[in-house]
Amino acid sequence: MRVLLTRPEGRNQLMAEALTQRNVSYFITPLLNVQPTSNLDANQIDTLLNRADVIIFISTNAVAFASQAIDNQWPSSAQYFAVGDATHTALKQLGIDAQKAPEDCQQTEGLLTLPSLTDVAGKQIIIVRGQGGREDLATELINRNALLSYWEVYKRGCPTLDAADLCLQWQSFGINTIIITSGEILDNLVKTVPKELFAWLQTCHIIVPSPRVYEKAKAYGLAHVSNASAANTNAMLAALSLK
């Protein structure tokens, strides 16, 4: 097994260490970059946070960029939620006690099963995320009569890559397994691989974090796809039968 790690710059370390411990070769190529941004000005952020009953973080990037923007001055009166283990850990490192989605469903659908998010009528809820995220969580919370706002603290993009040369490097290294942790990374992977090399990509084992990304991979024509049910290291190792 030779694994391609595709998270943004600086986010592949834990998986790389885990693979090294298991004597599995890997190649790192970030297929997503993230940059801080905001759809709100400082006064709007202050007002929003001060009236928040619930604050939900979609990713570790949401935690990092939001905390930088307000110098980690989070209101003590709000309830905090994290979609997955990594996001929960990022909040814990900042001293924030948060609830998280269940281990067997670390995504928005799992978060919505938590009893504390069942009765949210009239509550002010902030979803902290990147630009252009999924709407499923917001839609369901609005259906539950919550008062919902977005704070979009970063934007995603695809790094500038020499696609043909990069794909040849992957092939020369013997990549046969690719870890994908978001739909955006999957999109960028498919855009990066030239049409003449798509048959090679179809031979690779693609590990994805959710049913949604699984269906997207299948729609792209990828044949050998496994759903890890989460994006964290332990879930990905289990999907690789390495845990």
C-alpha atoms as a PDB file:
ATOM      1  CA  MET A   1       0.000   0.000   0.000  1.00  0.00           C
ATOM      2  CA  ARG A   2       1.258   3.472  -0.944  1.00  0.00           C
ATOM      3  CA  VAL A   3      -0.899   6.312   0.239  1.00  0.00           C
ATOM      4  CA  LEU A   4      -1.500   9.828  -1.061  1.00  0.00           C
ATOM      5  CA  LEU A   5      -2.323  12.381   1.657  1.00  0.00           C
ATOM      6  CA  THR A   6      -4.231  15.393   0.366  1.00  0.00           C
ATOM      7  CA  ARG A   7      -5.244  17.607   3.291  1.00  0.00           C
ATOM      8  CA  PRO A   8      -4.234  21.305   3.258  1.00  0.00           C
ATOM      9  CA  GLU A   9      -0.646  22.287   4.103  1.00  0.00           C
ATOM     10  CA  GLY A  10       0.221  21.431   7.708  1.00  0.00           C
ATOM     11  CA  ARG A  11      -2.808  19.175   8.229  1.00  0.00           C
ATOM     12  CA  ASN A  12      -1.301  15.820   7.173  1.00  0.00           C
ATOM     13  CA  GLN A  13       1.067  15.322  10.105  1.00  0.00           C
ATOM     14  CA  LEU A  14      -1.040  13.016  12.290  1.00  0.00           C
ATOM     15  CA  MET A  15      -1.846  10.675   9.428  1.00  0.00           C
ATOM     16  CA  ALA A  16       1.752  10.715   8.233  1.00  0.00           C
ATOM     17  CA  GLU A  17       2.973   9.772  11.721  1.00  0.00           C
ATOM     18  CA  ALA A  18       0.418   6.971  11.970  1.00  0.00           C
ATOM     19  CA  LEU A  19       1.454   5.543   8.593  1.00  0.00           C
ATOM     20  CA  THR A  20       5.146   5.798   9.495  1.00  0.00           C
ATOM     21  CA  GLN A  21       4.497   3.815  12.689  1.00  0.00           C
ATOM     22  CA  ARG A  22       2.891   1.124  10.541  1.00  0.00           C
ATOM     23  CA  ASN A  23       5.683   1.132   7.925  1.00  0.00           C
ATOM     24  CA  VAL A  24       3.308   2.342   5.202  1.00  0.00           C
ATOM     25  CA  SER A  25       4.800   4.600   2.527  1.00  0.00           C
ATOM     26  CA  TYR A  26       3.042   7.874   1.787  1.00  0.00           C
ATOM     27  CA  PHE A  27       3.288  10.922  -0.453  1.00  0.00           C
ATOM     28  CA  ILE A  28       1.939  14.329   0.573  1.00  0.00           C
ATOM     29  CA  THR A  29       0.268  16.634  -1.939  1.00  0.00           C
ATOM     30  CA  PRO A  30      -2.115  19.225  -0.470  1.00  0.00           C
ATOM     31  CA  LEU A  31      -5.108  19.469  -2.812  1.00  0.00           C
ATOM     32  CA  LEU A  32      -6.835  22.231  -0.881  1.00  0.00           C
ATOM     33  CA  ASN A  33      -5.708  25.528   0.579  1.00  0.00           C
ATOM     34  CA  VAL A  34      -7.554  27.713   3.039  1.00  0.00           C
ATOM     35  CA  GLN A  35      -7.302  31.440   3.646  1.00  0.00           C
ATOM     36  CA  PRO A  36      -8.915  33.595   6.346  1.00  0.00           C
ATOM     37  CA  THR A  37     -11.839  35.748   5.323  1.00  0.00           C
ATOM     38  CA  SER A  38     -15.129  36.871   6.848  1.00  0.00           C
ATOM     39  CA  ASN A  39     -18.649  37.691   5.738  1.00  0.00           C
ATOM     40  CA  LEU A  40     -19.011  39.938   8.821  1.00  0.00           C
ATOM     41  CA  ASP A  41     -17.237  43.021  10.158  1.00  0.00           C
ATOM     42  CA  ALA A  42     -15.939  43.323  13.732  1.00  0.00           C
ATOM     43  CA  ASN A  43     -19.081  44.962  15.102  1.00  0.00           C
ATOM     44  CA  GLN A  44     -21.340  42.349  13.520  1.00  0.00           C
ATOM     45  CA  ILE A  45     -19.186  39.542  14.949  1.00  0.00           C
ATOM     46  CA  ASP A  46     -19.293  41.069  18.428  1.00  0.00           C
ATOM     47  CA  THR A  47     -23.079  41.481  18.307  1.00  0.00           C
ATOM     48  CA  LEU A  48     -23.609  37.984  16.942  1.00  0.00           C
ATOM     49  CA  LEU A  49     -21.451  36.286  19.554  1.00  0.00           C
ATOM     50  CA  ASN A  50     -22.902  38.231  22.457  1.00  0.00           C
ATOM     51  CA  ARG A  51     -26.441  37.104  21.659  1.00  0.00           C
ATOM     52  CA  ALA A  52     -25.545  33.509  20.716  1.00  0.00           C
ATOM     53  CA  ASP A  53     -27.147  30.609  22.554  1.00  0.00           C
ATOM     54  CA  VAL A  54     -25.404  27.946  20.471  1.00  0.00           C
ATOM     55  CA  ILE A  55     -22.185  28.065  18.425  1.00  0.00           C
ATOM     56  CA  ILE A  56     -21.443  25.191  16.042  1.00  0.00           C
ATOM     57  CA  PHE A  57     -18.041  24.631  14.423  1.00  0.00           C
ATOM     58  CA  ILE A  58     -17.904  22.718  11.170  1.00  0.00           C
ATOM     59  CA  SER A  59     -14.133  22.129  10.993  1.00  0.00           C
ATOM     60  CA  THR A  60     -10.777  22.705  12.646  1.00  0.00           C
ATOM     61  CA  ASN A  61     -10.216  25.558  10.201  1.00  0.00           C
ATOM     62  CA  ALA A  62     -13.401  27.186  11.491  1.00  0.00           C
ATOM     63  CA  VAL A  63     -12.043  26.950  15.032  1.00  0.00           C
ATOM     64  CA  ALA A  64      -8.611  28.295  14.119  1.00  0.00           C
ATOM     65  CA  PHE A  65      -9.638  31.244  11.959  1.00  0.00           C
ATOM     66  CA  ALA A  66     -12.548  32.312  14.171  1.00  0.00           C
ATOM     67  CA  SER A  67     -10.398  32.196  17.301  1.00  0.00           C
ATOM     68  CA  GLN A  68      -7.696  34.268  15.607  1.00  0.00           C
ATOM     69  CA  ALA A  69     -10.276  36.846  14.571  1.00  0.00           C
ATOM     70  CA  ILE A  70     -11.502  37.451  18.134  1.00  0.00           C
ATOM     71  CA  ASP A  71      -8.310  36.603  20.037  1.00  0.00           C
ATOM     72  CA  ASN A  72     -10.047  33.564  21.514  1.00  0.00           C
ATOM     73  CA  GLN A  73     -12.522  35.694  23.463  1.00  0.00           C
ATOM     74  CA  TRP A  74     -15.539  33.398  23.287  1.00  0.00           C
ATOM     75  CA  PRO A  75     -18.731  34.050  25.298  1.00  0.00           C
ATOM     76  CA  SER A  76     -19.068  31.824  28.354  1.00  0.00           C
ATOM     77  CA  SER A  77     -22.861  31.722  28.146  1.00  0.00           C
ATOM     78  CA  ALA A  78     -23.115  29.869  24.805  1.00  0.00           C
ATOM     79  CA  GLN A  79     -23.257  26.127  24.225  1.00  0.00           C
ATOM     80  CA  TYR A  80     -20.558  24.844  21.867  1.00  0.00           C
ATOM     81  CA  PHE A  81     -20.721  21.987  19.371  1.00  0.00           C
ATOM     82  CA  ALA A  82     -18.215  20.317  17.059  1.00  0.00           C
ATOM     83  CA  VAL A  83     -19.011  18.160  14.057  1.00  0.00           C
ATOM     84  CA  GLY A  84     -16.127  15.712  14.599  1.00  0.00           C
ATOM     85  CA  ASP A  85     -13.312  14.554  16.876  1.00  0.00           C
ATOM     86  CA  ALA A  86     -10.628  16.780  15.352  1.00  0.00           C
ATOM     87  CA  THR A  87     -12.790  19.878  15.675  1.00  0.00           C
ATOM     88  CA  HIS A  88     -13.717  18.899  19.221  1.00  0.00           C
ATOM     89  CA  THR A  89     -10.022  18.506  20.096  1.00  0.00           C
ATOM     90  CA  ALA A  90      -9.209  21.907  18.556  1.00  0.00           C
ATOM     91  CA  LEU A  91     -11.850  23.525  20.762  1.00  0.00           C
ATOM     92  CA  LYS A  92     -10.632  21.664  23.848  1.00  0.00           C
ATOM     93  CA  GLN A  93      -7.118  22.977  23.234  1.00  0.00           C
ATOM     94  CA  LEU A  94      -8.563  26.487  23.412  1.00  0.00           C
ATOM     95  CA  GLY A  95     -10.283  25.716  26.700  1.00  0.00           C
ATOM     96  CA  ILE A  96     -13.751  25.372  25.170  1.00  0.00           C
ATOM     97  CA  ASP A  97     -15.921  22.526  26.429  1.00  0.00           C
ATOM     98  CA  ALA A  98     -17.975  21.372  23.437  1.00  0.00           C
ATOM     99  CA  GLN A  99     -20.351  18.562  22.573  1.00  0.00           C
ATOM    100  CA  LYS A 100     -19.616  16.570  19.434  1.00  0.00           C
ATOM    101  CA  ALA A 101     -21.379  14.346  16.940  1.00  0.00           C
ATOM    102  CA  PRO A 102     -21.578  10.633  17.856  1.00  0.00           C
ATOM    103  CA  GLU A 103     -18.551   8.479  17.017  1.00  0.00           C
ATOM    104  CA  ASP A 104     -20.524   6.431  14.494  1.00  0.00           C
ATOM    105  CA  CYS A 105     -21.722   9.502  12.549  1.00  0.00           C
ATOM    106  CA  GLN A 106     -19.219  12.340  12.725  1.00  0.00           C
ATOM    107  CA  GLN A 107     -20.944  14.717  10.355  1.00  0.00           C
ATOM    108  CA  THR A 108     -23.880  17.099  10.380  1.00  0.00           C
ATOM    109  CA  GLU A 109     -26.421  14.269  10.371  1.00  0.00           C
ATOM    110  CA  GLY A 110     -24.886  12.893  13.564  1.00  0.00           C
ATOM    111  CA  LEU A 111     -24.797  16.305  15.210  1.00  0.00           C
ATOM    112  CA  LEU A 112     -28.525  16.694  14.618  1.00  0.00           C
ATOM    113  CA  THR A 113     -29.245  13.561  16.669  1.00  0.00           C
ATOM    114  CA  LEU A 114     -27.884  15.140  19.864  1.00  0.00           C
ATOM    115  CA  PRO A 115     -30.673  15.738  22.424  1.00  0.00           C
ATOM    116  CA  SER A 116     -29.336  19.237  23.159  1.00  0.00           C
ATOM    117  CA  LEU A 117     -29.987  20.266  19.544  1.00  0.00           C
ATOM    118  CA  THR A 118     -33.490  18.789  19.420  1.00  0.00           C
ATOM    119  CA  ASP A 119     -35.399  21.611  21.101  1.00  0.00           C
ATOM    120  CA  VAL A 120     -33.848  24.793  19.688  1.00  0.00           C
ATOM    121  CA  ALA A 121     -36.951  26.848  18.951  1.00  0.00           C
ATOM    122  CA  GLY A 122     -36.188  30.535  19.367  1.00  0.00           C
ATOM    123  CA  LYS A 123     -32.491  29.964  20.074  1.00  0.00           C
ATOM    124  CA  GLN A 124     -29.826  32.073  18.386  1.00  0.00           C
ATOM    125  CA  ILE A 125     -27.482  29.639  16.643  1.00  0.00           C
ATOM    126  CA  ILE A 126     -24.253  30.536  14.847  1.00  0.00           C
ATOM    127  CA  ILE A 127     -22.649  28.115  12.412  1.00  0.00           C
ATOM    128  CA  VAL A 128     -18.933  28.877  12.041  1.00  0.00           C
ATOM    129  CA  ARG A 129     -17.689  27.530   8.720  1.00  0.00           C
ATOM    130  CA  GLY A 130     -15.928  28.240   5.430  1.00  0.00           C
ATOM    131  CA  GLN A 131     -17.535  29.935   2.461  1.00  0.00           C
ATOM    132  CA  GLY A 132     -19.905  27.795   0.446  1.00  0.00           C
ATOM    133  CA  GLY A 133     -20.452  24.976   2.918  1.00  0.00           C
ATOM    134  CA  ARG A 134     -23.361  22.543   3.004  1.00  0.00           C
ATOM    135  CA  GLU A 135     -26.810  23.834   3.923  1.00  0.00           C
ATOM    136  CA  ASP A 136     -28.235  20.633   5.450  1.00  0.00           C
ATOM    137  CA  LEU A 137     -27.460  21.538   9.063  1.00  0.00           C
ATOM    138  CA  ALA A 138     -28.865  25.053   8.760  1.00  0.00           C
ATOM    139  CA  THR A 139     -31.975  23.839   6.959  1.00  0.00           C
ATOM    140  CA  GLU A 140     -32.824  21.315   9.664  1.00  0.00           C
ATOM    141  CA  LEU A 141     -32.138  23.749  12.515  1.00  0.00           C
ATOM    142  CA  ILE A 142     -34.401  26.317  10.845  1.00  0.00           C
ATOM    143  CA  ASN A 143     -37.041  23.588  10.518  1.00  0.00           C
ATOM    144  CA  ARG A 144     -36.702  23.224  14.290  1.00  0.00           C
ATOM    145  CA  ASN A 145     -37.440  26.970  14.553  1.00  0.00           C
ATOM    146  CA  ALA A 146     -33.946  28.102  15.482  1.00  0.00           C
ATOM    147  CA  LEU A 147     -32.762  31.621  14.602  1.00  0.00           C
ATOM    148  CA  LEU A 148     -29.714  30.907  12.486  1.00  0.00           C
ATOM    149  CA  SER A 149     -26.687  32.915  11.345  1.00  0.00           C
ATOM    150  CA  TYR A 150     -23.489  32.025   9.501  1.00  0.00           C
ATOM    151  CA  TRP A 151     -20.032  33.286  10.338  1.00  0.00           C
ATOM    152  CA  GLU A 152     -17.885  32.281   7.366  1.00  0.00           C
ATOM    153  CA  VAL A 153     -14.283  32.643   8.488  1.00  0.00           C
ATOM    154  CA  TYR A 154     -12.280  31.127   5.620  1.00  0.00           C
ATOM    155  CA  LYS A 155     -12.401  30.290   1.964  1.00  0.00           C
ATOM    156  CA  ARG A 156     -11.121  27.240   0.137  1.00  0.00           C
ATOM    157  CA  GLY A 157      -9.147  27.015  -3.071  1.00  0.00           C
ATOM    158  CA  CYS A 158      -7.042  24.636  -5.125  1.00  0.00           C
ATOM    159  CA  PRO A 159      -3.257  25.084  -4.948  1.00  0.00           C
ATOM    160  CA  THR A 160      -1.459  25.872  -8.189  1.00  0.00           C
ATOM    161  CA  LEU A 161      -0.196  22.524  -9.439  1.00  0.00           C
ATOM    162  CA  ASP A 162       1.646  21.154 -12.467  1.00  0.00           C
ATOM    163  CA  ALA A 163      -0.945  18.454 -13.004  1.00  0.00           C
ATOM    164  CA  ALA A 164       0.821  16.266 -15.559  1.00  0.00           C
ATOM    165  CA  ASP A 165       4.142  16.236 -13.712  1.00  0.00           C
ATOM    166  CA  LEU A 166       2.439  15.688 -10.361  1.00  0.00           C
ATOM    167  CA  CYS A 167       0.435  12.714 -11.579  1.00  0.00           C
ATOM    168  CA  LEU A 168       3.578  11.142 -13.003  1.00  0.00           C
ATOM    169  CA  GLN A 169       5.218  11.580  -9.589  1.00  0.00           C
ATOM    170  CA  TRP A 170       2.271   9.818  -7.968  1.00  0.00           C
ATOM    171  CA  GLN A 171       2.487   6.964 -10.439  1.00  0.00           C
ATOM    172  CA  SER A 172       6.266   6.663 -10.100  1.00  0.00           C
ATOM    173  CA  PHE A 173       5.908   6.522  -6.325  1.00  0.00           C
ATOM    174  CA  GLY A 174       3.361   3.749  -6.751  1.00  0.00           C
ATOM    175  CA  ILE A 175       0.343   5.496  -5.240  1.00  0.00           C
ATOM    176  CA  ASN A 176      -2.567   3.069  -5.083  1.00  0.00           C
ATOM    177  CA  THR A 177      -4.568   4.541  -2.184  1.00  0.00           C
ATOM    178  CA  ILE A 178      -5.807   8.128  -1.817  1.00  0.00           C
ATOM    179  CA  ILE A 179      -7.212   9.656   1.360  1.00  0.00           C
ATOM    180  CA  ILE A 180      -9.894  12.283   0.739  1.00  0.00           C
ATOM    181  CA  THR A 181     -11.275  14.236   3.703  1.00  0.00           C
ATOM    182  CA  SER A 182     -13.767  16.562   1.984  1.00  0.00           C
ATOM    183  CA  GLY A 183     -15.849  16.958  -1.141  1.00  0.00           C
ATOM    184  CA  GLU A 184     -13.708  19.933  -2.205  1.00  0.00           C
ATOM    185  CA  ILE A 185     -10.535  17.829  -2.091  1.00  0.00           C
ATOM    186  CA  LEU A 186     -12.237  15.161  -4.204  1.00  0.00           C
ATOM    187  CA  ASP A 187     -13.269  17.821  -6.738  1.00  0.00           C
ATOM    188  CA  ASN A 188      -9.699  19.144  -6.910  1.00  0.00           C
ATOM    189  CA  LEU A 189      -8.268  15.635  -7.299  1.00  0.00           C
ATOM    190  CA  VAL A 190     -10.510  14.874 -10.256  1.00  0.00           C
ATOM    191  CA  LYS A 191      -9.718  18.273 -11.832  1.00  0.00           C
ATOM    192  CA  THR A 192      -5.986  17.678 -11.363  1.00  0.00           C
ATOM    193  CA  VAL A 193      -5.746  14.266 -12.993  1.00  0.00           C
ATOM    194  CA  PRO A 194      -5.553  14.628 -16.805  1.00  0.00           C
ATOM    195  CA  LYS A 195      -8.111  12.702 -18.832  1.00  0.00           C
ATOM    196  CA  GLU A 196      -5.459  10.400 -20.254  1.00  0.00           C
ATOM    197  CA  LEU A 197      -4.532   9.325 -16.693  1.00  0.00           C
ATOM    198  CA  PHE A 198      -8.058   8.935 -15.380  1.00  0.00           C
ATOM    199  CA  ALA A 199      -7.906   5.166 -15.939  1.00  0.00           C
ATOM    200  CA  TRP A 200      -5.020   5.062 -13.442  1.00  0.00           C
ATOM    201  CA  LEU A 201      -7.078   7.033 -10.903  1.00  0.00           C
ATOM    202  CA  GLN A 202      -9.899   4.511 -11.288  1.00  0.00           C
ATOM    203  CA  THR A 203      -7.540   1.740 -10.140  1.00  0.00           C
ATOM    204  CA  CYS A 204      -6.792   3.547  -6.867  1.00  0.00           C
ATOM    205  CA  HIS A 205      -8.555   2.847  -3.586  1.00  0.00           C
ATOM    206  CA  ILE A 206     -10.262   6.124  -2.616  1.00  0.00           C
ATOM    207  CA  ILE A 207     -11.042   6.618   1.090  1.00  0.00           C
ATOM    208  CA  VAL A 208     -13.738   9.241   1.739  1.00  0.00           C
ATOM    209  CA  PRO A 209     -15.228  10.681   4.971  1.00  0.00           C
ATOM    210  CA  SER A 210     -18.992  10.461   4.433  1.00  0.00           C
ATOM    211  CA  PRO A 211     -21.849   8.999   2.379  1.00  0.00           C
ATOM    212  CA  ARG A 212     -22.178  12.328   0.546  1.00  0.00           C
ATOM    213  CA  VAL A 213     -18.566  12.272  -0.658  1.00  0.00           C
ATOM    214  CA  TYR A 214     -18.883   8.545  -1.398  1.00  0.00           C
ATOM    215  CA  GLU A 215     -21.779   9.219  -3.757  1.00  0.00           C
ATOM    216  CA  LYS A 216     -19.859  12.081  -5.364  1.00  0.00           C
ATOM    217  CA  ALA A 217     -16.841   9.803  -5.954  1.00  0.00           C
ATOM    218  CA  LYS A 218     -19.067   7.180  -7.546  1.00  0.00           C
ATOM    219  CA  ALA A 219     -20.666   9.845  -9.743  1.00  0.00           C
ATOM    220  CA  TYR A 220     -17.198  10.802 -10.955  1.00  0.00           C
ATOM    221  CA  GLY A 221     -16.717   7.217 -12.133  1.00  0.00           C
ATOM    222  CA  LEU A 222     -14.334   6.084  -9.398  1.00  0.00           C
ATOM    223  CA  ALA A 223     -14.754   2.370  -8.847  1.00  0.00           C
ATOM    224  CA  HIS A 224     -12.921   1.433  -5.646  1.00  0.00           C
ATOM    225  CA  VAL A 225     -14.300   3.751  -2.959  1.00  0.00           C
ATOM    226  CA  SER A 226     -14.606   3.194   0.810  1.00  0.00           C
ATOM    227  CA  ASN A 227     -16.523   5.367   3.263  1.00  0.00           C
ATOM    228  CA  ALA A 228     -14.600   5.884   6.528  1.00  0.00           C
ATOM    229  CA  SER A 229     -17.651   7.648   8.065  1.00  0.00           C
ATOM    230  CA  ALA A 230     -15.392  10.405   9.455  1.00  0.00           C
ATOM    231  CA  ALA A 231     -12.345  12.430   8.431  1.00  0.00           C
ATOM    232  CA  ASN A 232     -10.218  11.824  11.524  1.00  0.00           C
ATOM    233  CA  THR A 233      -7.065   9.707  11.602  1.00  0.00           C
ATOM    234  CA  ASN A 234      -8.573   6.743  13.467  1.00  0.00           C
ATOM    235  CA  ALA A 235     -11.474   6.463  11.033  1.00  0.00           C
ATOM    236  CA  MET A 236      -9.156   6.624   8.030  1.00  0.00           C
ATOM    237  CA  LEU A 237      -6.823   3.994   9.544  1.00  0.00           C
ATOM    238  CA  ALA A 238      -9.790   1.709  10.156  1.00  0.00           C
ATOM    239  CA  ALA A 239     -10.916   2.126   6.541  1.00  0.00           C
ATOM    240  CA  LEU A 240      -7.399   1.146   5.482  1.00  0.00           C
ATOM    241  CA  SER A 241      -7.530  -1.900   7.820  1.00  0.00           C
ATOM    242  CA  LEU A 242      -4.548  -0.441   9.692  1.00  0.00           C
ATOM    243  CA  LYS A 243      -6.092   0.332  13.078  1.00  0.00           C
END
